[in-house]
Amino acid sequence: LFAPAGGAEPGDRLAAAFRDGFRWRATGEPEADASGLPPLYPFKLE
């Protein structure tokens, strides 16, 4: 949507991801860090 020059993405992959509906996150569950990188501040700041 924001970078058309980056290449085309097949529409069937998008349809396959949502064919069975949305898989919502449980309410209050924190978002997982998908990057796998350590936090910017490894020490807990009080």
PDB file of all heavy atoms in Angstrom:
ATOM      1  N   LEU A   1       0.820  -1.208   0.000  1.00  0.00           N
ATOM      2  CA  LEU A   1       0.000   0.000   0.000  1.00  0.00           C
ATOM      3  C   LEU A   1       0.864   1.273   0.000  1.00  0.00           C
ATOM      4  O   LEU A   1       0.576   2.234  -0.716  1.00  0.00           O
ATOM      5  CB  LEU A   1      -0.912  -0.017   1.231  1.00  0.00           C
ATOM      6  CG  LEU A   1      -2.006   1.046   1.289  1.00  0.00           C
ATOM      7  CD1 LEU A   1      -3.004   0.858   0.171  1.00  0.00           C
ATOM      8  CD2 LEU A   1      -2.724   0.976   2.637  1.00  0.00           C
ATOM      9  N   PHE A   2       1.944   1.265   0.784  1.00  0.00           N
ATOM     10  CA  PHE A   2       2.754   2.468   0.944  1.00  0.00           C
ATOM     11  C   PHE A   2       4.023   2.475   0.091  1.00  0.00           C
ATOM     12  O   PHE A   2       4.676   3.497  -0.035  1.00  0.00           O
ATOM     13  CB  PHE A   2       3.143   2.645   2.421  1.00  0.00           C
ATOM     14  CG  PHE A   2       1.963   2.812   3.322  1.00  0.00           C
ATOM     15  CD1 PHE A   2       1.817   2.037   4.456  1.00  0.00           C
ATOM     16  CD2 PHE A   2       0.985   3.751   3.013  1.00  0.00           C
ATOM     17  CE1 PHE A   2       0.726   2.193   5.277  1.00  0.00           C
ATOM     18  CE2 PHE A   2      -0.103   3.915   3.850  1.00  0.00           C
ATOM     19  CZ  PHE A   2      -0.244   3.132   4.988  1.00  0.00           C
ATOM     20  N   ALA A   3       4.408   1.347  -0.448  1.00  0.00           N
ATOM     21  CA  ALA A   3       5.608   1.279  -1.309  1.00  0.00           C
ATOM     22  C   ALA A   3       5.318   0.380  -2.493  1.00  0.00           C
ATOM     23  O   ALA A   3       5.725  -0.774  -2.527  1.00  0.00           O
ATOM     24  CB  ALA A   3       6.807   0.758  -0.511  1.00  0.00           C
ATOM     25  N   PRO A   4       4.590   0.910  -3.488  1.00  0.00           N
ATOM     26  CA  PRO A   4       4.222   0.061  -4.633  1.00  0.00           C
ATOM     27  C   PRO A   4       5.430  -0.479  -5.363  1.00  0.00           C
ATOM     28  O   PRO A   4       5.361  -1.519  -6.001  1.00  0.00           O
ATOM     29  CB  PRO A   4       3.416   1.013  -5.517  1.00  0.00           C
ATOM     30  CG  PRO A   4       2.971   2.116  -4.603  1.00  0.00           C
ATOM     31  CD  PRO A   4       4.033   2.246  -3.585  1.00  0.00           C
ATOM     32  N   ALA A   5       6.583   0.236  -5.297  1.00  0.00           N
ATOM     33  CA  ALA A   5       7.747  -0.226  -6.049  1.00  0.00           C
ATOM     34  C   ALA A   5       8.418  -1.422  -5.380  1.00  0.00           C
ATOM     35  O   ALA A   5       9.357  -1.991  -5.918  1.00  0.00           O
ATOM     36  CB  ALA A   5       8.767   0.900  -6.193  1.00  0.00           C
ATOM     37  N   GLY A   6       7.991  -1.802  -4.200  1.00  0.00           N
ATOM     38  CA  GLY A   6       8.641  -2.883  -3.493  1.00  0.00           C
ATOM     39  C   GLY A   6       8.292  -4.253  -4.021  1.00  0.00           C
ATOM     40  O   GLY A   6       8.786  -5.245  -3.538  1.00  0.00           O
ATOM     41  N   GLY A   7       7.417  -4.381  -4.988  1.00  0.00           N
ATOM     42  CA  GLY A   7       7.096  -5.669  -5.558  1.00  0.00           C
ATOM     43  C   GLY A   7       5.658  -6.067  -5.261  1.00  0.00           C
ATOM     44  O   GLY A   7       5.034  -5.624  -4.307  1.00  0.00           O
ATOM     45  N   ALA A   8       5.078  -6.936  -6.033  1.00  0.00           N
ATOM     46  CA  ALA A   8       3.682  -7.372  -5.887  1.00  0.00           C
ATOM     47  C   ALA A   8       3.596  -8.539  -4.912  1.00  0.00           C
ATOM     48  O   ALA A   8       4.503  -9.360  -4.817  1.00  0.00           O
ATOM     49  CB  ALA A   8       3.115  -7.764  -7.246  1.00  0.00           C
ATOM     50  N   GLU A   9       2.535  -8.609  -4.188  1.00  0.00           N
ATOM     51  CA  GLU A   9       2.277  -9.688  -3.217  1.00  0.00           C
ATOM     52  C   GLU A   9       1.047 -10.456  -3.693  1.00  0.00           C
ATOM     53  O   GLU A   9      -0.013  -9.860  -3.880  1.00  0.00           O
ATOM     54  CB  GLU A   9       2.032  -9.085  -1.830  1.00  0.00           C
ATOM     55  CG  GLU A   9       1.847 -10.122  -0.727  1.00  0.00           C
ATOM     56  CD  GLU A   9       3.145 -10.770  -0.303  1.00  0.00           C
ATOM     57  OE1 GLU A   9       4.214 -10.209  -0.626  1.00  0.00           O
ATOM     58  OE2 GLU A   9       3.099 -11.834   0.336  1.00  0.00           O
ATOM     59  N   PRO A  10       1.146 -11.760  -3.881  1.00  0.00           N
ATOM     60  CA  PRO A  10      -0.029 -12.526  -4.363  1.00  0.00           C
ATOM     61  C   PRO A  10      -1.220 -12.385  -3.419  1.00  0.00           C
ATOM     62  O   PRO A  10      -1.065 -12.466  -2.199  1.00  0.00           O
ATOM     63  CB  PRO A  10       0.498 -13.975  -4.419  1.00  0.00           C
ATOM     64  CG  PRO A  10       1.995 -13.836  -4.486  1.00  0.00           C
ATOM     65  CD  PRO A  10       2.331 -12.595  -3.725  1.00  0.00           C
ATOM     66  N   GLY A  11      -2.415 -12.156  -3.994  1.00  0.00           N
ATOM     67  CA  GLY A  11      -3.615 -11.974  -3.169  1.00  0.00           C
ATOM     68  C   GLY A  11      -4.092 -13.247  -2.498  1.00  0.00           C
ATOM     69  O   GLY A  11      -4.770 -13.193  -1.463  1.00  0.00           O
ATOM     70  N   ASP A  12      -3.747 -14.442  -3.026  1.00  0.00           N
ATOM     71  CA  ASP A  12      -4.232 -15.682  -2.416  1.00  0.00           C
ATOM     72  C   ASP A  12      -3.589 -15.924  -1.056  1.00  0.00           C
ATOM     73  O   ASP A  12      -4.183 -16.550  -0.170  1.00  0.00           O
ATOM     74  CB  ASP A  12      -3.970 -16.859  -3.346  1.00  0.00           C
ATOM     75  CG  ASP A  12      -2.503 -16.943  -3.777  1.00  0.00           C
ATOM     76  OD1 ASP A  12      -1.729 -16.019  -3.429  1.00  0.00           O
ATOM     77  OD2 ASP A  12      -2.147 -17.902  -4.493  1.00  0.00           O
ATOM     78  N   ARG A  13      -2.350 -15.398  -0.854  1.00  0.00           N
ATOM     79  CA  ARG A  13      -1.720 -15.555   0.471  1.00  0.00           C
ATOM     80  C   ARG A  13      -2.475 -14.734   1.513  1.00  0.00           C
ATOM     81  O   ARG A  13      -2.632 -15.139   2.663  1.00  0.00           O
ATOM     82  CB  ARG A  13      -0.258 -15.117   0.412  1.00  0.00           C
ATOM     83  CG  ARG A  13       0.606 -16.038  -0.434  1.00  0.00           C
ATOM     84  CD  ARG A  13       2.053 -15.581  -0.448  1.00  0.00           C
ATOM     85  NE  ARG A  13       2.601 -15.470   0.884  1.00  0.00           N
ATOM     86  CZ  ARG A  13       3.827 -15.017   1.151  1.00  0.00           C
ATOM     87  NH1 ARG A  13       4.598 -14.621   0.151  1.00  0.00           N
ATOM     88  NH2 ARG A  13       4.260 -14.941   2.395  1.00  0.00           N
ATOM     89  N   LEU A  14      -2.919 -13.525   1.130  1.00  0.00           N
ATOM     90  CA  LEU A  14      -3.711 -12.717   2.041  1.00  0.00           C
ATOM     91  C   LEU A  14      -5.053 -13.396   2.353  1.00  0.00           C
ATOM     92  O   LEU A  14      -5.511 -13.429   3.513  1.00  0.00           O
ATOM     93  CB  LEU A  14      -3.941 -11.333   1.423  1.00  0.00           C
ATOM     94  CG  LEU A  14      -4.758 -10.339   2.245  1.00  0.00           C
ATOM     95  CD1 LEU A  14      -4.035  -9.990   3.543  1.00  0.00           C
ATOM     96  CD2 LEU A  14      -5.023  -9.080   1.429  1.00  0.00           C
ATOM     97  N   ALA A  15      -5.677 -13.937   1.327  1.00  0.00           N
ATOM     98  CA  ALA A  15      -6.975 -14.620   1.547  1.00  0.00           C
ATOM     99  C   ALA A  15      -6.808 -15.845   2.428  1.00  0.00           C
ATOM    100  O   ALA A  15      -7.647 -16.137   3.310  1.00  0.00           O
ATOM    101  CB  ALA A  15      -7.597 -14.992   0.200  1.00  0.00           C
ATOM    102  N   ALA A  16      -5.684 -16.617   2.245  1.00  0.00           N
ATOM    103  CA  ALA A  16      -5.471 -17.831   3.030  1.00  0.00           C
ATOM    104  C   ALA A  16      -5.250 -17.515   4.503  1.00  0.00           C
ATOM    105  O   ALA A  16      -5.647 -18.279   5.392  1.00  0.00           O
ATOM    106  CB  ALA A  16      -4.275 -18.598   2.471  1.00  0.00           C
ATOM    107  N   ALA A  17      -4.602 -16.356   4.789  1.00  0.00           N
ATOM    108  CA  ALA A  17      -4.331 -16.012   6.183  1.00  0.00           C
ATOM    109  C   ALA A  17      -5.608 -15.729   6.957  1.00  0.00           C
ATOM    110  O   ALA A  17      -5.669 -15.960   8.177  1.00  0.00           O
ATOM    111  CB  ALA A  17      -3.385 -14.808   6.240  1.00  0.00           C
ATOM    112  N   PHE A  18      -6.668 -15.209   6.286  1.00  0.00           N
ATOM    113  CA  PHE A  18      -7.906 -14.829   6.992  1.00  0.00           C
ATOM    114  C   PHE A  18      -9.103 -15.674   6.553  1.00  0.00           C
ATOM    115  O   PHE A  18     -10.244 -15.299   6.816  1.00  0.00           O
ATOM    116  CB  PHE A  18      -8.199 -13.345   6.730  1.00  0.00           C
ATOM    117  CG  PHE A  18      -7.186 -12.418   7.349  1.00  0.00           C
ATOM    118  CD1 PHE A  18      -6.119 -11.940   6.602  1.00  0.00           C
ATOM    119  CD2 PHE A  18      -7.305 -12.037   8.685  1.00  0.00           C
ATOM    120  CE1 PHE A  18      -5.188 -11.082   7.164  1.00  0.00           C
ATOM    121  CE2 PHE A  18      -6.371 -11.184   9.242  1.00  0.00           C
ATOM    122  CZ  PHE A  18      -5.300 -10.698   8.487  1.00  0.00           C
ATOM    123  N   ARG A  19      -8.857 -16.840   5.931  1.00  0.00           N
ATOM    124  CA  ARG A  19      -9.972 -17.656   5.462  1.00  0.00           C
ATOM    125  C   ARG A  19     -10.803 -18.185   6.630  1.00  0.00           C
ATOM    126  O   ARG A  19     -12.039 -18.301   6.548  1.00  0.00           O
ATOM    127  CB  ARG A  19      -9.440 -18.820   4.608  1.00  0.00           C
ATOM    128  CG  ARG A  19     -10.560 -19.697   4.048  1.00  0.00           C
ATOM    129  CD  ARG A  19     -10.026 -20.790   3.129  1.00  0.00           C
ATOM    130  NE  ARG A  19      -9.443 -20.223   1.916  1.00  0.00           N
ATOM    131  CZ  ARG A  19      -8.151 -20.215   1.613  1.00  0.00           C
ATOM    132  NH1 ARG A  19      -7.265 -20.743   2.468  1.00  0.00           N
ATOM    133  NH2 ARG A  19      -7.711 -19.684   0.507  1.00  0.00           N
ATOM    134  N   ASP A  20     -10.152 -18.496   7.761  1.00  0.00           N
ATOM    135  CA  ASP A  20     -10.858 -19.057   8.918  1.00  0.00           C
ATOM    136  C   ASP A  20     -11.247 -18.003   9.944  1.00  0.00           C
ATOM    137  O   ASP A  20     -11.627 -18.331  11.070  1.00  0.00           O
ATOM    138  CB  ASP A  20      -9.972 -20.110   9.607  1.00  0.00           C
ATOM    139  CG  ASP A  20      -9.663 -21.279   8.675  1.00  0.00           C
ATOM    140  OD1 ASP A  20     -10.514 -21.580   7.810  1.00  0.00           O
ATOM    141  OD2 ASP A  20      -8.557 -21.837   8.782  1.00  0.00           O
ATOM    142  N   GLY A  21     -11.125 -16.687   9.553  1.00  0.00           N
ATOM    143  CA  GLY A  21     -11.526 -15.630  10.466  1.00  0.00           C
ATOM    144  C   GLY A  21     -10.343 -15.057  11.218  1.00  0.00           C
ATOM    145  O   GLY A  21      -9.185 -15.434  11.024  1.00  0.00           O
ATOM    146  N   PHE A  22     -10.638 -14.155  12.136  1.00  0.00           N
ATOM    147  CA  PHE A  22      -9.588 -13.474  12.897  1.00  0.00           C
ATOM    148  C   PHE A  22      -9.253 -14.256  14.148  1.00  0.00           C
ATOM    149  O   PHE A  22     -10.148 -14.791  14.809  1.00  0.00           O
ATOM    150  CB  PHE A  22     -10.043 -12.063  13.281  1.00  0.00           C
ATOM    151  CG  PHE A  22     -10.355 -11.184  12.104  1.00  0.00           C
ATOM    152  CD1 PHE A  22     -11.661 -11.006  11.670  1.00  0.00           C
ATOM    153  CD2 PHE A  22      -9.331 -10.541  11.422  1.00  0.00           C
ATOM    154  CE1 PHE A  22     -11.951 -10.188  10.594  1.00  0.00           C
ATOM    155  CE2 PHE A  22      -9.622  -9.729  10.349  1.00  0.00           C
ATOM    156  CZ  PHE A  22     -10.926  -9.550   9.918  1.00  0.00           C
ATOM    157  N   ARG A  23      -7.958 -14.300  14.479  1.00  0.00           N
ATOM    158  CA  ARG A  23      -7.504 -14.916  15.730  1.00  0.00           C
ATOM    159  C   ARG A  23      -7.053 -13.778  16.633  1.00  0.00           C
ATOM    160  O   ARG A  23      -5.954 -13.252  16.532  1.00  0.00           O
ATOM    161  CB  ARG A  23      -6.361 -15.898  15.475  1.00  0.00           C
ATOM    162  CG  ARG A  23      -6.799 -17.109  14.648  1.00  0.00           C
ATOM    163  CD  ARG A  23      -5.667 -18.086  14.458  1.00  0.00           C
ATOM    164  NE  ARG A  23      -5.110 -18.534  15.727  1.00  0.00           N
ATOM    165  CZ  ARG A  23      -4.027 -19.300  15.859  1.00  0.00           C
ATOM    166  NH1 ARG A  23      -3.393 -19.687  14.758  1.00  0.00           N
ATOM    167  NH2 ARG A  23      -3.588 -19.655  17.053  1.00  0.00           N
ATOM    168  N   TRP A  24      -7.970 -13.370  17.498  1.00  0.00           N
ATOM    169  CA  TRP A  24      -7.724 -12.198  18.340  1.00  0.00           C
ATOM    170  C   TRP A  24      -6.861 -12.543  19.541  1.00  0.00           C
ATOM    171  O   TRP A  24      -6.875 -13.663  20.028  1.00  0.00           O
ATOM    172  CB  TRP A  24      -9.053 -11.600  18.839  1.00  0.00           C
ATOM    173  CG  TRP A  24     -10.000 -11.211  17.720  1.00  0.00           C
ATOM    174  CD1 TRP A  24     -11.129 -11.855  17.338  1.00  0.00           C
ATOM    175  CD2 TRP A  24      -9.861 -10.076  16.880  1.00  0.00           C
ATOM    176  NE1 TRP A  24     -11.744 -11.219  16.293  1.00  0.00           N
ATOM    177  CE2 TRP A  24     -10.974 -10.092  15.984  1.00  0.00           C
ATOM    178  CE3 TRP A  24      -8.946  -9.055  16.768  1.00  0.00           C
ATOM    179  CZ2 TRP A  24     -11.168  -9.139  15.013  1.00  0.00           C
ATOM    180  CZ3 TRP A  24      -9.147  -8.101  15.801  1.00  0.00           C
ATOM    181  CH2 TRP A  24     -10.232  -8.135  14.923  1.00  0.00           C
ATOM    182  N   ARG A  25      -6.140 -11.555  20.013  1.00  0.00           N
ATOM    183  CA  ARG A  25      -5.341 -11.694  21.212  1.00  0.00           C
ATOM    184  C   ARG A  25      -6.283 -11.597  22.420  1.00  0.00           C
ATOM    185  O   ARG A  25      -7.242 -10.829  22.400  1.00  0.00           O
ATOM    186  CB  ARG A  25      -4.291 -10.580  21.279  1.00  0.00           C
ATOM    187  CG  ARG A  25      -3.285 -10.740  22.402  1.00  0.00           C
ATOM    188  CD  ARG A  25      -2.380  -9.502  22.476  1.00  0.00           C
ATOM    189  NE  ARG A  25      -1.747  -9.219  21.194  1.00  0.00           N
ATOM    190  CZ  ARG A  25      -0.622  -9.798  20.792  1.00  0.00           C
ATOM    191  NH1 ARG A  25      -0.026 -10.671  21.587  1.00  0.00           N
ATOM    192  NH2 ARG A  25      -0.106  -9.502  19.627  1.00  0.00           N
ATOM    193  N   ALA A  26      -5.981 -12.370  23.448  1.00  0.00           N
ATOM    194  CA  ALA A  26      -6.803 -12.319  24.660  1.00  0.00           C
ATOM    195  C   ALA A  26      -6.718 -10.934  25.276  1.00  0.00           C
ATOM    196  O   ALA A  26      -5.681 -10.264  25.214  1.00  0.00           O
ATOM    197  CB  ALA A  26      -6.336 -13.384  25.659  1.00  0.00           C
ATOM    198  N   THR A  27      -7.794 -10.499  25.896  1.00  0.00           N
ATOM    199  CA  THR A  27      -7.854  -9.161  26.474  1.00  0.00           C
ATOM    200  C   THR A  27      -6.858  -9.039  27.613  1.00  0.00           C
ATOM    201  O   THR A  27      -6.799  -9.896  28.492  1.00  0.00           O
ATOM    202  CB  THR A  27      -9.276  -8.867  26.971  1.00  0.00           C
ATOM    203  OG1 THR A  27     -10.174  -9.046  25.889  1.00  0.00           O
ATOM    204  CG2 THR A  27      -9.355  -7.454  27.507  1.00  0.00           C
ATOM    205  N   GLY A  28      -6.050  -8.004  27.654  1.00  0.00           N
ATOM    206  CA  GLY A  28      -5.049  -7.776  28.702  1.00  0.00           C
ATOM    207  C   GLY A  28      -3.738  -8.478  28.455  1.00  0.00           C
ATOM    208  O   GLY A  28      -2.796  -8.304  29.211  1.00  0.00           O
ATOM    209  N   GLU A  29      -3.650  -9.343  27.457  1.00  0.00           N
ATOM    210  CA  GLU A  29      -2.383 -10.050  27.181  1.00  0.00           C
ATOM    211  C   GLU A  29      -1.417  -9.094  26.511  1.00  0.00           C
ATOM    212  O   GLU A  29      -1.738  -8.453  25.522  1.00  0.00           O
ATOM    213  CB  GLU A  29      -2.677 -11.245  26.284  1.00  0.00           C
ATOM    214  CG  GLU A  29      -1.432 -12.046  25.969  1.00  0.00           C
ATOM    215  CD  GLU A  29      -1.763 -13.231  25.040  1.00  0.00           C
ATOM    216  OE1 GLU A  29      -2.960 -13.497  24.839  1.00  0.00           O
ATOM    217  OE2 GLU A  29      -0.822 -13.847  24.522  1.00  0.00           O
ATOM    218  N   PRO A  30      -0.192  -8.980  27.022  1.00  0.00           N
ATOM    219  CA  PRO A  30       0.770  -8.049  26.396  1.00  0.00           C
ATOM    220  C   PRO A  30       1.221  -8.554  25.041  1.00  0.00           C
ATOM    221  O   PRO A  30       1.253  -9.754  24.803  1.00  0.00           O
ATOM    222  CB  PRO A  30       1.923  -8.014  27.405  1.00  0.00           C
ATOM    223  CG  PRO A  30       1.846  -9.319  28.125  1.00  0.00           C
ATOM    224  CD  PRO A  30       0.399  -9.673  28.201  1.00  0.00           C
ATOM    225  N   GLU A  31       1.562  -7.607  24.214  1.00  0.00           N
ATOM    226  CA  GLU A  31       1.983  -7.955  22.852  1.00  0.00           C
ATOM    227  C   GLU A  31       3.384  -8.545  22.893  1.00  0.00           C
ATOM    228  O   GLU A  31       4.296  -8.031  23.519  1.00  0.00           O
ATOM    229  CB  GLU A  31       2.003  -6.690  21.973  1.00  0.00           C
ATOM    230  CG  GLU A  31       2.411  -6.990  20.542  1.00  0.00           C
ATOM    231  CD  GLU A  31       2.394  -5.730  19.689  1.00  0.00           C
ATOM    232  OE1 GLU A  31       1.998  -4.677  20.244  1.00  0.00           O
ATOM    233  OE2 GLU A  31       2.774  -5.790  18.527  1.00  0.00           O
ATOM    234  N   ALA A  32       3.559  -9.681  22.235  1.00  0.00           N
ATOM    235  CA  ALA A  32       4.857 -10.348  22.214  1.00  0.00           C
ATOM    236  C   ALA A  32       5.821  -9.563  21.353  1.00  0.00           C
ATOM    237  O   ALA A  32       5.448  -8.976  20.352  1.00  0.00           O
ATOM    238  CB  ALA A  32       4.700 -11.792  21.713  1.00  0.00           C
ATOM    239  N   ASP A  33       7.097  -9.610  21.775  1.00  0.00           N
ATOM    240  CA  ASP A  33       8.146  -8.928  20.993  1.00  0.00           C
ATOM    241  C   ASP A  33       8.623  -9.881  19.922  1.00  0.00           C
ATOM    242  O   ASP A  33       9.315 -10.852  20.189  1.00  0.00           O
ATOM    243  CB  ASP A  33       9.289  -8.546  21.918  1.00  0.00           C
ATOM    244  CG  ASP A  33      10.328  -7.704  21.201  1.00  0.00           C
ATOM    245  OD1 ASP A  33      10.117  -7.416  20.014  1.00  0.00           O
ATOM    246  OD2 ASP A  33      11.343  -7.364  21.849  1.00  0.00           O
ATOM    247  N   ALA A  34       8.166  -9.640  18.701  1.00  0.00           N
ATOM    248  CA  ALA A  34       8.479 -10.537  17.589  1.00  0.00           C
ATOM    249  C   ALA A  34       9.878 -10.353  17.075  1.00  0.00           C
ATOM    250  O   ALA A  34      10.341 -11.114  16.237  1.00  0.00           O
ATOM    251  CB  ALA A  34       7.472 -10.352  16.452  1.00  0.00           C
ATOM    252  N   SER A  35      10.592  -9.322  17.539  1.00  0.00           N
ATOM    253  CA  SER A  35      11.903  -9.055  16.984  1.00  0.00           C
ATOM    254  C   SER A  35      12.961  -9.985  17.531  1.00  0.00           C
ATOM    255  O   SER A  35      13.967 -10.228  16.892  1.00  0.00           O
ATOM    256  CB  SER A  35      12.306  -7.602  17.253  1.00  0.00           C
ATOM    257  OG  SER A  35      12.454  -7.406  18.654  1.00  0.00           O
ATOM    258  N   GLY A  36      12.762 -10.506  18.744  1.00  0.00           N
ATOM    259  CA  GLY A  36      13.765 -11.374  19.331  1.00  0.00           C
ATOM    260  C   GLY A  36      14.955 -10.639  19.878  1.00  0.00           C
ATOM    261  O   GLY A  36      15.923 -11.257  20.328  1.00  0.00           O
ATOM    262  N   LEU A  37      14.970  -9.290  19.856  1.00  0.00           N
ATOM    263  CA  LEU A  37      16.084  -8.498  20.342  1.00  0.00           C
ATOM    264  C   LEU A  37      15.909  -8.196  21.821  1.00  0.00           C
ATOM    265  O   LEU A  37      14.782  -8.106  22.323  1.00  0.00           O
ATOM    266  CB  LEU A  37      16.181  -7.189  19.562  1.00  0.00           C
ATOM    267  CG  LEU A  37      16.493  -7.345  18.081  1.00  0.00           C
ATOM    268  CD1 LEU A  37      16.449  -5.977  17.417  1.00  0.00           C
ATOM    269  CD2 LEU A  37      17.836  -8.017  17.857  1.00  0.00           C
ATOM    270  N   PRO A  38      16.989  -8.017  22.550  1.00  0.00           N
ATOM    271  CA  PRO A  38      16.849  -7.675  23.982  1.00  0.00           C
ATOM    272  C   PRO A  38      16.274  -6.287  24.127  1.00  0.00           C
ATOM    273  O   PRO A  38      16.347  -5.478  23.213  1.00  0.00           O
ATOM    274  CB  PRO A  38      18.303  -7.742  24.487  1.00  0.00           C
ATOM    275  CG  PRO A  38      19.141  -7.536  23.267  1.00  0.00           C
ATOM    276  CD  PRO A  38      18.387  -8.162  22.145  1.00  0.00           C
ATOM    277  N   PRO A  39      15.698  -5.991  25.285  1.00  0.00           N
ATOM    278  CA  PRO A  39      15.114  -4.659  25.487  1.00  0.00           C
ATOM    279  C   PRO A  39      16.183  -3.589  25.481  1.00  0.00           C
ATOM    280  O   PRO A  39      17.367  -3.850  25.711  1.00  0.00           O
ATOM    281  CB  PRO A  39      14.436  -4.773  26.852  1.00  0.00           C
ATOM    282  CG  PRO A  39      15.169  -5.870  27.539  1.00  0.00           C
ATOM    283  CD  PRO A  39      15.549  -6.857  26.475  1.00  0.00           C
ATOM    284  N   LEU A  40      15.745  -2.328  25.167  1.00  0.00           N
ATOM    285  CA  LEU A  40      16.679  -1.226  25.107  1.00  0.00           C
ATOM    286  C   LEU A  40      17.329  -0.989  26.465  1.00  0.00           C
ATOM    287  O   LEU A  40      18.523  -0.725  26.557  1.00  0.00           O
ATOM    288  CB  LEU A  40      15.947   0.025  24.639  1.00  0.00           C
ATOM    289  CG  LEU A  40      16.808   1.270  24.456  1.00  0.00           C
ATOM    290  CD1 LEU A  40      17.869   1.040  23.408  1.00  0.00           C
ATOM    291  CD2 LEU A  40      15.927   2.454  24.100  1.00  0.00           C
ATOM    292  N   TYR A  41      16.537  -1.084  27.541  1.00  0.00           N
ATOM    293  CA  TYR A  41      17.052  -0.940  28.905  1.00  0.00           C
ATOM    294  C   TYR A  41      16.897  -2.297  29.607  1.00  0.00           C
ATOM    295  O   TYR A  41      15.795  -2.665  30.024  1.00  0.00           O
ATOM    296  CB  TYR A  41      16.282   0.128  29.679  1.00  0.00           C
ATOM    297  CG  TYR A  41      16.464   1.515  29.116  1.00  0.00           C
ATOM    298  CD1 TYR A  41      15.497   2.062  28.300  1.00  0.00           C
ATOM    299  CD2 TYR A  41      17.611   2.243  29.412  1.00  0.00           C
ATOM    300  CE1 TYR A  41      15.669   3.323  27.760  1.00  0.00           C
ATOM    301  CE2 TYR A  41      17.775   3.515  28.880  1.00  0.00           C
ATOM    302  CZ  TYR A  41      16.811   4.045  28.055  1.00  0.00           C
ATOM    303  OH  TYR A  41      16.970   5.288  27.534  1.00  0.00           O
ATOM    304  N   PRO A  42      17.965  -3.081  29.717  1.00  0.00           N
ATOM    305  CA  PRO A  42      17.826  -4.417  30.326  1.00  0.00           C
ATOM    306  C   PRO A  42      17.546  -4.365  31.821  1.00  0.00           C
ATOM    307  O   PRO A  42      17.140  -5.350  32.390  1.00  0.00           O
ATOM    308  CB  PRO A  42      19.183  -5.075  30.050  1.00  0.00           C
ATOM    309  CG  PRO A  42      20.126  -3.923  29.879  1.00  0.00           C
ATOM    310  CD  PRO A  42      19.324  -2.808  29.302  1.00  0.00           C
ATOM    311  N   PHE A  43      17.785  -3.220  32.451  1.00  0.00           N
ATOM    312  CA  PHE A  43      17.539  -3.106  33.889  1.00  0.00           C
ATOM    313  C   PHE A  43      16.187  -2.485  34.134  1.00  0.00           C
ATOM    314  O   PHE A  43      15.740  -1.624  33.391  1.00  0.00           O
ATOM    315  CB  PHE A  43      18.633  -2.274  34.559  1.00  0.00           C
ATOM    316  CG  PHE A  43      20.013  -2.823  34.312  1.00  0.00           C
ATOM    317  CD1 PHE A  43      20.847  -2.227  33.385  1.00  0.00           C
ATOM    318  CD2 PHE A  43      20.457  -3.951  34.998  1.00  0.00           C
ATOM    319  CE1 PHE A  43      22.102  -2.734  33.158  1.00  0.00           C
ATOM    320  CE2 PHE A  43      21.726  -4.455  34.765  1.00  0.00           C
ATOM    321  CZ  PHE A  43      22.563  -3.847  33.838  1.00  0.00           C
ATOM    322  N   LYS A  44      15.576  -2.911  35.214  1.00  0.00           N
ATOM    323  CA  LYS A  44      14.252  -2.431  35.563  1.00  0.00           C
ATOM    324  C   LYS A  44      14.365  -1.091  36.250  1.00  0.00           C
ATOM    325  O   LYS A  44      15.132  -0.929  37.175  1.00  0.00           O
ATOM    326  CB  LYS A  44      13.596  -3.440  36.515  1.00  0.00           C
ATOM    327  CG  LYS A  44      12.124  -3.486  36.381  1.00  0.00           C
ATOM    328  CD  LYS A  44      11.607  -4.640  37.193  1.00  0.00           C
ATOM    329  CE  LYS A  44      10.121  -4.549  37.248  1.00  0.00           C
ATOM    330  NZ  LYS A  44       9.555  -5.576  38.114  1.00  0.00           N
ATOM    331  N   LEU A  45      13.682  -0.120  35.715  1.00  0.00           N
ATOM    332  CA  LEU A  45      13.720   1.216  36.289  1.00  0.00           C
ATOM    333  C   LEU A  45      12.512   1.405  37.171  1.00  0.00           C
ATOM    334  O   LEU A  45      11.383   1.205  36.746  1.00  0.00           O
ATOM    335  CB  LEU A  45      13.738   2.276  35.195  1.00  0.00           C
ATOM    336  CG  LEU A  45      14.958   2.216  34.268  1.00  0.00           C
ATOM    337  CD1 LEU A  45      14.834   3.285  33.213  1.00  0.00           C
ATOM    338  CD2 LEU A  45      16.247   2.375  35.048  1.00  0.00           C
ATOM    339  N   GLU A  46      12.735   1.751  38.409  1.00  0.00           N
ATOM    340  CA  GLU A  46      11.633   1.986  39.342  1.00  0.00           C
ATOM    341  C   GLU A  46      11.270   3.432  39.297  1.00  0.00           C
ATOM    342  O   GLU A  46      12.146   4.272  39.317  1.00  0.00           O
ATOM    343  CB  GLU A  46      12.076   1.574  40.748  1.00  0.00           C
ATOM    344  CG  GLU A  46      12.389   0.095  40.864  1.00  0.00           C
ATOM    345  CD  GLU A  46      11.200  -0.791  40.628  1.00  0.00           C
ATOM    346  OE1 GLU A  46      10.065  -0.320  40.764  1.00  0.00           O
ATOM    347  OE2 GLU A  46      11.382  -1.959  40.305  1.00  0.00           O
TER     348      GLU A  46
END
